[in-house]
Amino acid sequence: FVKPGDKVSQFDEICEVQSDKASVTITSRYDGHIKRLHYEVDEIALVGDALVDIELHDTEIVEKVVEVKNDNSDNIVDAGKEPTLAITAKVLTTPAVRRIAAENNVKLNEVPATGRDGRVLKEDILAYLEMKKKSSNIQQKTDEIVNKVDNEVEVVTLKGYEKHMWKTMTQAL
């Protein structure tokens, strides 16, 4: 879609990225000129690499980097364009750990990962659940204390309009 020296505006199409499962057209985030293409048409681009450099109108060079959710570890770039969309990647873990997390309504991105390459392990999920359980016990104790304070009875003498309203409401029962 673009070549070095081309002028691009915000939301102009820059390139098309394809994988085995998807084809996505990438648009520009910035107004400026294409300074350099890092990949040619039909070349395989590595995930996370910049595809083009854009010279902004204030002469700042910005590298656009792609973080693409990738099932096959590489994307094919058509027409020498640069992805600017950032898609959150899946948390690295095994299907068994995903099942445990789903059964306990745990979001995997909230669990601190201790495994190799940032993987969430079964032990991580179990430790997270234990920590959550302890914090919920503290919350329950706090709620019990608040309820005890709320259960104190206060006697109020009714006069005038309030007394008449009380009589009418008790007769309605």
N, C-alpha and C. Protein backbone atom coordinates (compact mmCIF):
# COMPACT_ATOMS: atom_id res chain seq x y z
N PHE A 1 0.82 -1.19 0.00
CA PHE A 1 0.00 0.00 0.00
C PHE A 1 0.87 1.26 0.00
N VAL A 2 1.99 1.27 0.72
CA VAL A 2 2.83 2.46 0.79
C VAL A 2 4.25 2.14 0.34
N LYS A 3 4.96 3.22 -0.06
CA LYS A 3 6.36 3.11 -0.48
C LYS A 3 7.14 4.18 0.27
N PRO A 4 8.48 4.06 0.32
CA PRO A 4 9.27 5.12 0.96
C PRO A 4 9.00 6.47 0.29
N GLY A 5 8.82 7.49 1.10
CA GLY A 5 8.54 8.83 0.61
C GLY A 5 7.06 9.16 0.53
N ASP A 6 6.19 8.16 0.62
CA ASP A 6 4.75 8.41 0.58
C ASP A 6 4.31 9.18 1.82
N LYS A 7 3.34 10.07 1.62
CA LYS A 7 2.77 10.81 2.74
C LYS A 7 1.60 10.00 3.29
N VAL A 8 1.54 9.85 4.61
CA VAL A 8 0.43 9.15 5.24
C VAL A 8 -0.20 10.05 6.29
N SER A 9 -1.50 9.89 6.42
CA SER A 9 -2.24 10.59 7.46
C SER A 9 -2.77 9.56 8.44
N GLN A 10 -3.24 10.04 9.55
CA GLN A 10 -3.80 9.14 10.54
C GLN A 10 -4.94 8.35 9.92
N PHE A 11 -4.99 7.05 10.16
CA PHE A 11 -6.00 6.12 9.68
C PHE A 11 -5.85 5.74 8.20
N ASP A 12 -4.78 6.21 7.51
CA ASP A 12 -4.51 5.73 6.15
C ASP A 12 -4.02 4.29 6.23
N GLU A 13 -4.38 3.49 5.20
CA GLU A 13 -3.94 2.10 5.18
C GLU A 13 -2.44 2.04 4.91
N ILE A 14 -1.73 1.27 5.72
CA ILE A 14 -0.28 1.14 5.60
C ILE A 14 0.07 -0.19 4.94
N CYS A 15 -0.51 -1.28 5.44
CA CYS A 15 -0.18 -2.60 4.91
C CYS A 15 -1.26 -3.60 5.26
N GLU A 16 -1.06 -4.80 4.73
CA GLU A 16 -1.95 -5.90 5.05
C GLU A 16 -1.09 -7.01 5.63
N VAL A 17 -1.49 -7.54 6.76
CA VAL A 17 -0.75 -8.60 7.44
C VAL A 17 -1.61 -9.86 7.36
N GLN A 18 -0.96 -10.97 7.01
CA GLN A 18 -1.70 -12.22 6.90
C GLN A 18 -1.02 -13.30 7.71
N SER A 19 -1.83 -14.15 8.29
CA SER A 19 -1.34 -15.36 8.94
C SER A 19 -2.20 -16.50 8.41
N ASP A 20 -2.04 -17.68 8.95
CA ASP A 20 -2.85 -18.81 8.50
C ASP A 20 -4.32 -18.61 8.84
N LYS A 21 -4.61 -17.81 9.85
CA LYS A 21 -5.98 -17.68 10.33
C LYS A 21 -6.63 -16.34 10.05
N ALA A 22 -5.85 -15.31 9.71
CA ALA A 22 -6.46 -13.99 9.58
C ALA A 22 -5.70 -13.13 8.58
N SER A 23 -6.41 -12.16 8.04
CA SER A 23 -5.83 -11.14 7.17
C SER A 23 -6.32 -9.80 7.69
N VAL A 24 -5.39 -8.91 8.07
CA VAL A 24 -5.75 -7.65 8.72
C VAL A 24 -5.10 -6.50 7.98
N THR A 25 -5.87 -5.44 7.70
CA THR A 25 -5.31 -4.22 7.12
C THR A 25 -4.92 -3.30 8.26
N ILE A 26 -3.68 -2.82 8.22
CA ILE A 26 -3.14 -1.98 9.28
C ILE A 26 -3.19 -0.52 8.83
N THR A 27 -3.58 0.37 9.75
CA THR A 27 -3.65 1.79 9.45
C THR A 27 -2.61 2.56 10.25
N SER A 28 -2.31 3.77 9.79
CA SER A 28 -1.31 4.61 10.43
C SER A 28 -1.89 5.30 11.65
N ARG A 29 -1.07 5.43 12.68
CA ARG A 29 -1.47 6.19 13.86
C ARG A 29 -1.07 7.65 13.75
N TYR A 30 -0.15 7.94 12.82
CA TYR A 30 0.48 9.25 12.78
C TYR A 30 0.34 9.89 11.39
N ASP A 31 0.52 11.20 11.34
CA ASP A 31 0.65 11.94 10.09
C ASP A 31 2.14 12.09 9.84
N GLY A 32 2.57 11.80 8.61
CA GLY A 32 3.99 11.94 8.30
C GLY A 32 4.33 11.33 6.96
N HIS A 33 5.63 11.05 6.77
CA HIS A 33 6.13 10.45 5.53
C HIS A 33 6.79 9.12 5.85
N ILE A 34 6.60 8.14 4.96
CA ILE A 34 7.24 6.84 5.13
C ILE A 34 8.73 7.03 4.85
N LYS A 35 9.54 6.73 5.83
CA LYS A 35 10.98 6.90 5.72
C LYS A 35 11.63 5.64 5.16
N ARG A 36 11.23 4.48 5.67
CA ARG A 36 11.90 3.23 5.28
C ARG A 36 10.96 2.06 5.48
N LEU A 37 10.99 1.09 4.56
CA LEU A 37 10.27 -0.17 4.71
C LEU A 37 11.24 -1.21 5.23
N HIS A 38 10.87 -1.94 6.25
CA HIS A 38 11.75 -2.97 6.80
C HIS A 38 11.56 -4.31 6.10
N TYR A 39 10.43 -4.51 5.41
CA TYR A 39 10.14 -5.77 4.73
C TYR A 39 9.54 -5.47 3.36
N GLU A 40 9.80 -6.34 2.41
CA GLU A 40 9.22 -6.25 1.07
C GLU A 40 7.94 -7.08 1.01
N VAL A 41 7.23 -6.98 -0.10
CA VAL A 41 5.99 -7.73 -0.30
C VAL A 41 6.29 -9.22 -0.22
N ASP A 42 5.43 -9.95 0.48
CA ASP A 42 5.50 -11.41 0.66
C ASP A 42 6.67 -11.88 1.51
N GLU A 43 7.41 -10.98 2.13
CA GLU A 43 8.45 -11.41 3.07
C GLU A 43 7.80 -11.77 4.39
N ILE A 44 8.43 -12.65 5.13
CA ILE A 44 7.92 -13.04 6.44
C ILE A 44 8.51 -12.10 7.48
N ALA A 45 7.62 -11.45 8.20
CA ALA A 45 8.03 -10.51 9.25
C ALA A 45 7.90 -11.20 10.60
N LEU A 46 8.87 -10.99 11.45
CA LEU A 46 8.81 -11.55 12.79
C LEU A 46 7.88 -10.71 13.66
N VAL A 47 7.19 -11.37 14.54
CA VAL A 47 6.27 -10.69 15.44
C VAL A 47 7.06 -9.75 16.34
N GLY A 48 6.59 -8.52 16.45
CA GLY A 48 7.23 -7.55 17.31
C GLY A 48 8.23 -6.67 16.60
N ASP A 49 8.63 -7.00 15.36
CA ASP A 49 9.58 -6.18 14.61
C ASP A 49 8.86 -5.00 13.96
N ALA A 50 9.59 -3.89 13.81
CA ALA A 50 9.04 -2.73 13.12
C ALA A 50 8.98 -3.04 11.63
N LEU A 51 7.93 -2.60 10.97
CA LEU A 51 7.79 -2.84 9.54
C LEU A 51 8.14 -1.62 8.72
N VAL A 52 7.88 -0.42 9.24
CA VAL A 52 8.25 0.81 8.54
C VAL A 52 8.68 1.85 9.57
N ASP A 53 9.43 2.84 9.08
CA ASP A 53 9.75 4.03 9.88
C ASP A 53 8.94 5.17 9.29
N ILE A 54 8.33 5.96 10.16
CA ILE A 54 7.55 7.11 9.72
C ILE A 54 8.21 8.36 10.26
N GLU A 55 8.48 9.31 9.36
CA GLU A 55 9.03 10.59 9.78
C GLU A 55 7.85 11.51 10.03
N LEU A 56 7.74 11.95 11.27
CA LEU A 56 6.64 12.85 11.63
C LEU A 56 6.94 14.24 11.11
N HIS A 57 5.95 15.08 11.09
CA HIS A 57 6.13 16.44 10.57
C HIS A 57 7.11 17.24 11.41
N ASP A 58 7.32 16.85 12.67
CA ASP A 58 8.31 17.54 13.49
C ASP A 58 9.66 16.84 13.41
N THR A 59 9.92 16.09 12.35
CA THR A 59 11.17 15.40 12.01
C THR A 59 11.59 14.33 13.01
N GLU A 60 10.69 13.86 13.80
CA GLU A 60 10.97 12.76 14.71
C GLU A 60 10.70 11.47 13.96
N ILE A 61 11.58 10.48 14.09
CA ILE A 61 11.35 9.20 13.44
C ILE A 61 10.75 8.26 14.47
N VAL A 62 9.65 7.63 14.08
CA VAL A 62 8.96 6.73 14.99
C VAL A 62 8.93 5.36 14.35
N GLU A 63 9.38 4.36 15.08
CA GLU A 63 9.27 3.00 14.59
C GLU A 63 7.96 2.44 15.08
N LYS A 64 7.20 1.88 14.17
CA LYS A 64 5.95 1.26 14.57
C LYS A 64 6.21 -0.22 14.78
N VAL A 65 5.81 -0.69 15.93
CA VAL A 65 6.07 -2.06 16.31
C VAL A 65 4.75 -2.79 16.44
N VAL A 66 4.76 -4.04 16.03
CA VAL A 66 3.55 -4.85 16.08
C VAL A 66 3.68 -5.88 17.16
N GLU A 67 2.65 -5.97 18.01
CA GLU A 67 2.55 -7.07 18.95
C GLU A 67 1.30 -7.82 18.54
N VAL A 68 1.46 -8.90 17.82
CA VAL A 68 0.33 -9.61 17.25
C VAL A 68 0.16 -10.94 17.95
N LYS A 69 -1.07 -11.25 18.26
CA LYS A 69 -1.38 -12.57 18.79
C LYS A 69 -1.06 -13.54 17.67
N ASN A 70 -0.13 -14.47 17.91
CA ASN A 70 0.39 -15.27 16.83
C ASN A 70 0.31 -16.74 17.15
N ASP A 71 -0.37 -17.51 16.30
CA ASP A 71 -0.47 -18.94 16.50
C ASP A 71 0.64 -19.69 15.77
N ASN A 72 1.26 -19.09 14.76
CA ASN A 72 2.23 -19.79 13.94
C ASN A 72 3.63 -19.20 14.04
N SER A 73 3.86 -18.25 14.86
CA SER A 73 5.14 -17.60 15.15
C SER A 73 5.66 -16.71 14.04
N ASP A 74 4.98 -16.56 12.92
CA ASP A 74 5.37 -15.53 11.96
C ASP A 74 4.19 -15.10 11.11
N ASN A 75 4.27 -13.86 10.62
CA ASN A 75 3.21 -13.30 9.80
C ASN A 75 3.79 -12.99 8.43
N ILE A 76 2.94 -13.00 7.42
CA ILE A 76 3.36 -12.64 6.09
C ILE A 76 2.86 -11.22 5.84
N VAL A 77 3.74 -10.36 5.34
CA VAL A 77 3.38 -8.98 5.10
C VAL A 77 3.21 -8.78 3.61
N ASP A 78 2.05 -8.30 3.19
CA ASP A 78 1.80 -8.01 1.79
C ASP A 78 1.94 -6.52 1.55
N ALA A 79 2.44 -6.16 0.41
CA ALA A 79 2.53 -4.77 -0.04
C ALA A 79 3.42 -3.93 0.86
N GLY A 80 4.35 -4.52 1.57
CA GLY A 80 5.34 -3.79 2.36
C GLY A 80 4.75 -2.83 3.35
N LYS A 81 3.78 -3.24 4.09
CA LYS A 81 3.12 -2.34 5.02
C LYS A 81 3.44 -2.66 6.45
N GLU A 82 3.14 -1.74 7.35
CA GLU A 82 3.50 -1.91 8.74
C GLU A 82 2.30 -2.02 9.64
N PRO A 83 2.22 -3.03 10.47
CA PRO A 83 1.15 -3.12 11.44
C PRO A 83 1.35 -2.12 12.57
N THR A 84 0.26 -1.49 12.99
CA THR A 84 0.35 -0.58 14.12
C THR A 84 -0.61 -0.97 15.22
N LEU A 85 -1.36 -2.03 15.00
CA LEU A 85 -2.31 -2.48 16.01
C LEU A 85 -1.58 -3.33 17.03
N ALA A 86 -1.93 -3.17 18.28
CA ALA A 86 -1.38 -4.02 19.32
C ALA A 86 -2.51 -4.92 19.81
N ILE A 87 -2.32 -6.22 19.70
CA ILE A 87 -3.32 -7.18 20.14
C ILE A 87 -2.73 -7.92 21.32
N THR A 88 -3.45 -7.99 22.39
CA THR A 88 -2.94 -8.65 23.59
C THR A 88 -2.76 -10.13 23.32
N ALA A 89 -1.56 -10.62 23.62
CA ALA A 89 -1.26 -12.03 23.40
C ALA A 89 -1.84 -12.86 24.53
N LYS A 90 -2.09 -14.14 24.24
CA LYS A 90 -2.58 -15.05 25.26
C LYS A 90 -1.50 -15.26 26.31
N VAL A 91 -1.91 -15.51 27.52
CA VAL A 91 -0.99 -15.86 28.58
C VAL A 91 -0.51 -17.28 28.31
N LEU A 92 0.80 -17.51 28.43
CA LEU A 92 1.35 -18.83 28.18
C LEU A 92 1.03 -19.76 29.34
N THR A 93 0.37 -20.86 29.03
CA THR A 93 0.03 -21.86 30.04
C THR A 93 -0.51 -23.10 29.35
N THR A 94 -0.75 -24.14 30.12
CA THR A 94 -1.27 -25.39 29.57
C THR A 94 -2.79 -25.39 29.62
N PRO A 95 -3.43 -26.23 28.82
CA PRO A 95 -4.89 -26.32 28.86
C PRO A 95 -5.43 -26.71 30.24
N ALA A 96 -4.71 -27.55 30.96
CA ALA A 96 -5.17 -27.95 32.30
C ALA A 96 -5.22 -26.74 33.23
N VAL A 97 -4.22 -25.88 33.15
CA VAL A 97 -4.19 -24.68 33.99
C VAL A 97 -5.31 -23.73 33.57
N ARG A 98 -5.56 -23.62 32.27
CA ARG A 98 -6.66 -22.78 31.79
C ARG A 98 -8.00 -23.28 32.34
N ARG A 99 -8.17 -24.61 32.39
CA ARG A 99 -9.40 -25.19 32.91
C ARG A 99 -9.56 -24.86 34.39
N ILE A 100 -8.49 -25.00 35.17
CA ILE A 100 -8.54 -24.69 36.61
C ILE A 100 -8.91 -23.21 36.80
N ALA A 101 -8.29 -22.35 35.99
CA ALA A 101 -8.58 -20.92 36.09
C ALA A 101 -10.04 -20.63 35.74
N ALA A 102 -10.55 -21.28 34.69
CA ALA A 102 -11.93 -21.05 34.28
C ALA A 102 -12.91 -21.55 35.34
N GLU A 103 -12.62 -22.70 35.95
CA GLU A 103 -13.51 -23.25 36.98
C GLU A 103 -13.59 -22.35 38.20
N ASN A 104 -12.50 -21.62 38.47
CA ASN A 104 -12.45 -20.76 39.65
C ASN A 104 -12.63 -19.28 39.31
N ASN A 105 -13.04 -18.99 38.08
CA ASN A 105 -13.26 -17.61 37.63
C ASN A 105 -12.04 -16.73 37.87
N VAL A 106 -10.87 -17.21 37.47
CA VAL A 106 -9.62 -16.48 37.63
C VAL A 106 -9.16 -16.00 36.26
N LYS A 107 -8.81 -14.73 36.16
CA LYS A 107 -8.24 -14.20 34.92
C LYS A 107 -6.74 -14.49 34.95
N LEU A 108 -6.25 -15.19 33.93
CA LEU A 108 -4.85 -15.62 33.91
C LEU A 108 -3.87 -14.45 33.90
N ASN A 109 -4.26 -13.31 33.33
CA ASN A 109 -3.34 -12.18 33.30
C ASN A 109 -3.18 -11.52 34.67
N GLU A 110 -4.00 -11.89 35.65
CA GLU A 110 -3.87 -11.36 37.01
C GLU A 110 -2.98 -12.24 37.89
N VAL A 111 -2.65 -13.44 37.40
CA VAL A 111 -1.87 -14.40 38.19
C VAL A 111 -0.39 -14.17 37.91
N PRO A 112 0.44 -14.00 38.96
CA PRO A 112 1.88 -13.85 38.74
C PRO A 112 2.47 -15.16 38.22
N ALA A 113 3.16 -15.09 37.07
CA ALA A 113 3.72 -16.28 36.43
C ALA A 113 5.13 -16.53 36.94
N THR A 114 5.41 -17.79 37.30
CA THR A 114 6.75 -18.15 37.77
C THR A 114 7.42 -19.17 36.87
N GLY A 115 6.72 -19.64 35.85
CA GLY A 115 7.27 -20.66 34.97
C GLY A 115 8.24 -20.10 33.95
N ARG A 116 8.87 -21.02 33.21
CA ARG A 116 9.83 -20.64 32.18
C ARG A 116 9.13 -19.82 31.10
N ASP A 117 9.77 -18.78 30.62
CA ASP A 117 9.24 -17.89 29.59
C ASP A 117 7.94 -17.21 30.00
N GLY A 118 7.75 -17.00 31.30
CA GLY A 118 6.56 -16.31 31.79
C GLY A 118 5.30 -17.14 31.78
N ARG A 119 5.44 -18.45 31.84
CA ARG A 119 4.27 -19.34 31.84
C ARG A 119 3.61 -19.36 33.21
N VAL A 120 2.29 -19.46 33.19
CA VAL A 120 1.53 -19.61 34.43
C VAL A 120 1.42 -21.10 34.71
N LEU A 121 1.89 -21.52 35.87
CA LEU A 121 1.88 -22.93 36.25
C LEU A 121 0.69 -23.23 37.15
N LYS A 122 0.43 -24.53 37.34
CA LYS A 122 -0.65 -24.96 38.22
C LYS A 122 -0.41 -24.44 39.63
N GLU A 123 0.85 -24.47 40.07
CA GLU A 123 1.19 -23.98 41.41
C GLU A 123 0.87 -22.49 41.54
N ASP A 124 1.08 -21.74 40.46
CA ASP A 124 0.78 -20.30 40.48
C ASP A 124 -0.72 -20.07 40.70
N ILE A 125 -1.55 -20.84 40.00
CA ILE A 125 -3.01 -20.71 40.15
C ILE A 125 -3.42 -21.08 41.57
N LEU A 126 -2.88 -22.20 42.08
CA LEU A 126 -3.26 -22.64 43.42
C LEU A 126 -2.82 -21.63 44.48
N ALA A 127 -1.62 -21.06 44.33
CA ALA A 127 -1.14 -20.04 45.27
C ALA A 127 -2.02 -18.79 45.19
N TYR A 128 -2.41 -18.41 43.99
CA TYR A 128 -3.28 -17.24 43.80
C TYR A 128 -4.64 -17.47 44.46
N LEU A 129 -5.19 -18.68 44.28
CA LEU A 129 -6.48 -19.00 44.89
C LEU A 129 -6.38 -18.98 46.41
N GLU A 130 -5.27 -19.50 46.96
CA GLU A 130 -5.07 -19.50 48.42
C GLU A 130 -4.99 -18.07 48.94
N MET A 131 -4.26 -17.22 48.21
CA MET A 131 -4.13 -15.81 48.61
C MET A 131 -5.50 -15.13 48.57
N LYS A 132 -6.28 -15.42 47.52
CA LYS A 132 -7.61 -14.84 47.41
C LYS A 132 -8.51 -15.31 48.54
N LYS A 133 -8.38 -16.59 48.91
CA LYS A 133 -9.20 -17.16 49.98
C LYS A 133 -8.88 -16.48 51.31
N LYS A 134 -7.59 -16.26 51.58
CA LYS A 134 -7.20 -15.59 52.82
C LYS A 134 -7.74 -14.17 52.85
N SER A 135 -7.64 -13.47 51.73
CA SER A 135 -8.13 -12.09 51.72
C SER A 135 -9.65 -12.04 51.84
N SER A 136 -10.35 -13.06 51.31
CA SER A 136 -11.81 -13.08 51.46
C SER A 136 -12.21 -13.39 52.89
N ASN A 137 -11.40 -14.22 53.61
CA ASN A 137 -11.67 -14.49 55.02
C ASN A 137 -11.55 -13.22 55.84
N ILE A 138 -10.55 -12.43 55.55
CA ILE A 138 -10.37 -11.15 56.24
C ILE A 138 -11.56 -10.25 55.96
N GLN A 139 -12.03 -10.23 54.71
CA GLN A 139 -13.18 -9.41 54.34
C GLN A 139 -14.43 -9.87 55.07
N GLN A 140 -14.62 -11.20 55.21
CA GLN A 140 -15.79 -11.72 55.91
C GLN A 140 -15.76 -11.31 57.38
N LYS A 141 -14.59 -11.38 58.01
CA LYS A 141 -14.48 -10.97 59.41
C LYS A 141 -14.80 -9.49 59.56
N THR A 142 -14.33 -8.69 58.63
CA THR A 142 -14.62 -7.27 58.65
C THR A 142 -16.12 -7.03 58.50
N ASP A 143 -16.77 -7.77 57.59
CA ASP A 143 -18.21 -7.64 57.40
C ASP A 143 -18.98 -8.04 58.65
N GLU A 144 -18.52 -9.09 59.36
CA GLU A 144 -19.19 -9.52 60.59
C GLU A 144 -19.12 -8.43 61.65
N ILE A 145 -17.99 -7.79 61.77
CA ILE A 145 -17.83 -6.70 62.75
C ILE A 145 -18.77 -5.56 62.40
N VAL A 146 -18.84 -5.21 61.12
CA VAL A 146 -19.72 -4.13 60.68
C VAL A 146 -21.18 -4.50 60.95
N ASN A 147 -21.56 -5.76 60.70
CA ASN A 147 -22.94 -6.20 60.95
C ASN A 147 -23.29 -6.14 62.43
N LYS A 148 -22.34 -6.48 63.30
CA LYS A 148 -22.60 -6.40 64.74
C LYS A 148 -22.89 -4.96 65.14
N VAL A 149 -22.16 -4.04 64.58
CA VAL A 149 -22.38 -2.63 64.88
C VAL A 149 -23.73 -2.20 64.33
N ASP A 150 -24.09 -2.70 63.14
CA ASP A 150 -25.36 -2.33 62.52
C ASP A 150 -26.57 -2.91 63.26
N ASN A 151 -26.40 -4.00 64.00
CA ASN A 151 -27.52 -4.66 64.68
C ASN A 151 -27.91 -4.00 66.00
N GLU A 152 -27.22 -2.98 66.40
CA GLU A 152 -27.59 -2.27 67.62
C GLU A 152 -28.94 -1.58 67.40
N VAL A 153 -29.82 -1.65 68.39
CA VAL A 153 -31.16 -1.10 68.28
C VAL A 153 -31.19 0.30 68.85
N GLU A 154 -31.85 1.20 68.14
CA GLU A 154 -32.00 2.58 68.60
C GLU A 154 -33.50 2.84 68.74
N VAL A 155 -33.91 3.27 69.91
CA VAL A 155 -35.31 3.54 70.19
C VAL A 155 -35.57 5.02 69.93
N VAL A 156 -36.60 5.28 69.08
CA VAL A 156 -36.94 6.65 68.72
C VAL A 156 -38.40 6.88 69.09
N THR A 157 -38.68 7.98 69.77
CA THR A 157 -40.05 8.34 70.13
C THR A 157 -40.70 9.00 68.92
N LEU A 158 -41.88 8.46 68.53
CA LEU A 158 -42.59 9.00 67.38
C LEU A 158 -43.58 10.06 67.83
N LYS A 159 -43.62 11.14 67.08
CA LYS A 159 -44.54 12.24 67.38
C LYS A 159 -45.18 12.72 66.09
N GLY A 160 -46.37 13.22 66.23
CA GLY A 160 -47.04 13.89 65.12
C GLY A 160 -47.24 13.01 63.90
N TYR A 161 -46.76 13.49 62.76
CA TYR A 161 -46.95 12.84 61.47
C TYR A 161 -46.37 11.43 61.47
N GLU A 162 -45.19 11.22 62.06
CA GLU A 162 -44.54 9.91 62.09
C GLU A 162 -45.39 8.91 62.87
N LYS A 163 -46.01 9.36 63.99
CA LYS A 163 -46.84 8.49 64.82
C LYS A 163 -48.09 8.07 64.04
N HIS A 164 -48.70 9.01 63.33
CA HIS A 164 -49.89 8.71 62.53
C HIS A 164 -49.54 7.74 61.39
N MET A 165 -48.40 7.94 60.74
CA MET A 165 -47.97 7.06 59.66
C MET A 165 -47.72 5.65 60.20
N TRP A 166 -47.14 5.51 61.38
CA TRP A 166 -46.87 4.20 61.98
C TRP A 166 -48.19 3.47 62.25
N LYS A 167 -49.18 4.18 62.78
CA LYS A 167 -50.49 3.56 63.06
C LYS A 167 -51.14 3.08 61.77
N THR A 168 -51.11 3.89 60.72
CA THR A 168 -51.73 3.53 59.45
C THR A 168 -51.04 2.32 58.83
N MET A 169 -49.74 2.28 58.89
CA MET A 169 -48.99 1.17 58.28
C MET A 169 -49.19 -0.13 59.05
N THR A 170 -49.28 -0.07 60.38
CA THR A 170 -49.49 -1.29 61.15
C THR A 170 -50.90 -1.82 60.96
N GLN A 171 -51.89 -0.94 60.73
CA GLN A 171 -53.25 -1.39 60.45
C GLN A 171 -53.33 -2.08 59.09
N ALA A 172 -52.49 -1.68 58.16
CA ALA A 172 -52.49 -2.27 56.82
C ALA A 172 -51.97 -3.70 56.84
N LEU A 173 -51.22 -4.06 57.85
CA LEU A 173 -50.69 -5.43 57.93
C LEU A 173 -51.80 -6.36 58.26
